Protein backbone atom coordinates (compact mmCIF):
# COMPACT_ATOMS: atom_id res chain seq x y z
CA MET A 1 141.12 103.55 173.59
CA SER A 2 140.57 103.19 170.13
CA GLN A 3 139.74 105.70 167.69
CA PRO A 4 136.50 105.84 166.12
CA VAL A 5 136.05 104.26 162.67
CA ASP A 6 135.33 106.93 159.22
CA GLU A 7 132.87 104.71 157.58
CA SER A 8 132.86 107.04 154.73
CA LEU A 9 136.79 106.86 154.31
CA LEU A 10 136.58 103.28 154.77
CA PHE A 11 134.07 102.26 151.99
CA ALA A 12 136.01 104.64 149.77
CA ARG A 13 139.04 102.24 150.14
CA VAL A 14 137.41 99.48 149.68
CA ALA A 15 135.23 100.61 146.61
CA GLU A 16 138.69 101.58 145.19
CA ILE A 17 140.16 98.06 145.87
CA ILE A 18 136.92 96.24 144.16
CA GLU A 19 137.26 98.89 141.40
CA THR A 20 140.53 98.10 140.77
CA ARG A 21 140.42 94.36 140.48
CA LYS A 22 137.16 94.28 138.27
CA ARG A 23 139.16 96.39 135.72
CA THR A 24 142.50 94.09 136.24
CA ALA A 25 139.97 90.91 135.62
CA MET A 26 138.25 92.43 132.83
CA ALA A 27 141.60 93.66 131.37
CA SER A 28 142.88 89.92 131.78
CA ALA A 29 139.57 88.15 130.17
CA ASN A 30 139.49 90.72 127.07
CA ARG A 31 143.46 89.40 126.21
CA GLU A 32 142.36 85.93 126.44
CA VAL A 33 139.53 86.58 124.44
CA VAL A 34 141.06 88.50 121.41
CA LEU A 35 143.83 85.34 121.79
CA MET A 36 141.36 82.76 121.75
CA TYR A 37 140.02 84.68 118.16
CA TRP A 38 143.46 84.87 116.99
CA GLU A 39 143.89 81.23 117.43
CA ILE A 40 141.15 80.18 116.04
CA GLY A 41 141.88 82.05 113.28
CA GLN A 42 145.32 80.68 113.04
CA HIS A 43 143.62 76.67 112.97
CA ILE A 44 140.99 77.79 110.42
CA ASN A 45 143.80 79.49 107.83
CA SER A 46 146.57 76.09 108.80
CA VAL A 47 143.61 73.86 108.04
CA LEU A 48 142.69 75.88 104.57
CA LEU A 49 145.95 76.08 103.48
CA GLY A 50 146.28 79.84 103.84
CA GLY A 51 142.76 79.82 101.69
CA LYS A 52 144.40 77.68 98.42
CA ARG A 53 140.73 75.67 98.97
CA ALA A 54 138.30 78.22 98.20
CA GLY A 55 134.98 76.51 97.31
CA TYR A 56 135.86 74.15 99.77
CA GLY A 57 136.76 76.40 102.65
CA LYS A 58 133.68 78.52 102.26
CA LYS A 59 131.68 75.28 103.23
CA ILE A 60 134.22 74.84 105.59
CA PHE A 61 133.08 78.18 107.39
CA SER A 62 129.77 77.83 107.04
CA THR A 63 129.55 74.25 108.32
CA LEU A 64 131.77 75.05 111.28
CA SER A 65 129.83 78.36 112.42
CA ARG A 66 126.76 76.11 112.90
CA LYS A 67 127.96 73.88 115.19
CA LEU A 68 130.08 76.52 117.07
CA VAL A 69 126.70 78.62 117.02
CA ASP A 70 124.73 76.40 118.62
CA SER A 71 127.61 75.15 121.26
CA TYR A 72 129.16 78.50 122.27
CA GLY A 73 126.52 81.31 120.57
CA ASN A 74 126.75 84.09 118.52
CA PRO A 75 129.87 85.41 119.07
CA PHE A 76 130.89 82.15 116.21
CA GLN A 77 129.02 82.86 113.35
CA GLU A 78 130.78 83.02 109.75
CA GLU A 79 131.13 86.83 109.55
CA ASN A 80 133.11 86.42 112.59
CA LEU A 81 135.22 83.37 111.80
CA TYR A 82 136.07 85.15 108.40
CA ARG A 83 137.55 87.63 110.67
CA MET A 84 139.12 85.91 112.99
CA ALA A 85 141.18 84.25 110.35
CA ARG A 86 141.73 87.89 108.92
CA LEU A 87 143.09 88.64 112.41
CA ALA A 88 145.68 85.53 111.93
CA ASN A 89 146.47 86.81 108.37
CA VAL A 90 147.36 90.79 109.19
CA PHE A 91 148.84 89.61 112.99
CA PRO A 92 150.83 86.41 111.95
CA ASP A 93 153.05 87.28 115.46
CA ARG A 94 151.10 86.21 118.84
CA GLY A 95 153.29 88.89 120.38
CA ILE A 96 151.18 91.70 118.33
CA VAL A 97 148.25 89.77 118.95
CA ALA A 98 149.11 89.65 123.00
CA THR A 99 149.25 93.58 122.70
CA LEU A 100 145.47 93.75 121.06
CA LYS A 101 142.63 95.01 123.25
CA TRP A 102 138.65 94.66 122.45
CA LEU A 103 136.79 97.71 121.86
CA ASN A 104 133.15 97.90 122.43
CA SER A 105 133.13 101.61 120.95
CA TYR A 106 134.98 103.57 118.56
CA GLU A 107 135.11 107.31 118.25
CA ARG A 108 135.56 108.02 114.93
CA GLN A 109 137.90 110.86 114.13
CA GLU A 110 136.15 114.55 112.36
CA GLY A 111 136.23 113.99 108.33
CA GLU A 112 136.91 110.03 109.38
CA ASN A 113 134.61 107.65 107.38
CA GLU A 114 132.76 105.05 109.51
CA PRO A 115 135.32 101.69 109.74
CA ILE A 116 135.04 98.74 107.56
CA GLY A 117 135.21 95.35 109.06
CA LEU A 118 137.49 95.08 111.83
CA ILE A 119 139.30 97.75 113.54
CA LEU A 120 143.10 97.74 115.28
CA CYS A 121 143.16 100.89 116.43
CA THR A 122 145.03 103.31 118.83
CA LYS A 123 142.49 105.39 120.50
CA ALA A 124 139.26 104.33 122.51
CA SER A 125 136.22 105.83 121.17
CA ARG A 126 132.54 105.82 122.09
CA ILE A 127 130.33 105.07 118.85
CA PRO A 128 128.81 101.95 120.10
CA LEU A 129 129.56 98.61 118.82
CA ALA A 130 125.59 98.08 118.14
CA GLU A 131 125.20 100.94 116.26
CA GLN A 132 128.02 99.84 114.13
CA LYS A 133 127.86 95.96 113.82
CA LYS A 134 131.32 96.25 113.84
CA LYS A 135 134.08 93.99 115.81
CA MET A 136 137.27 96.37 116.54
CA PHE A 137 140.46 95.74 119.20
CA CYS A 138 143.00 98.21 120.05
CA SER A 139 146.57 98.46 120.33
CA THR A 140 148.77 100.98 121.44
CA SER A 141 151.36 100.63 118.71
CA HIS A 142 149.07 99.33 115.45
CA THR A 143 146.35 100.85 113.27
CA THR A 144 144.72 98.97 110.56
CA ILE A 145 140.99 98.58 109.01
CA ILE A 146 140.81 95.25 107.70
């Protein structure tokens, strides 16, 4: 005769599988978003010849941003395109960029000023992005504030 199923253990294990796979999927999507932003920055930088077209470059950012926002939404606002280009300048090595993670929040350390601009950090934190209006990245081996 078969033994009765422990429904609470069954639920707990299935829930654990679901949560693990959700975290794995989010980490993978996160990595792809960071790489996408870096590739966009790399391409913009290459088209603008490393910033040697200053006046023309500003117009390009504005025009490109309007078109991208119309097609893909607010992540491609002009300010964010500048951040993408700066990300590619600061980290020209794709291998390093592949280790970066997008953070939805950042916890300031005691005595630390509020971060400015793009953050590449070593610790996860808890100040909501909506409060800071900043884009953040995290790597286990790099700390940079741009």
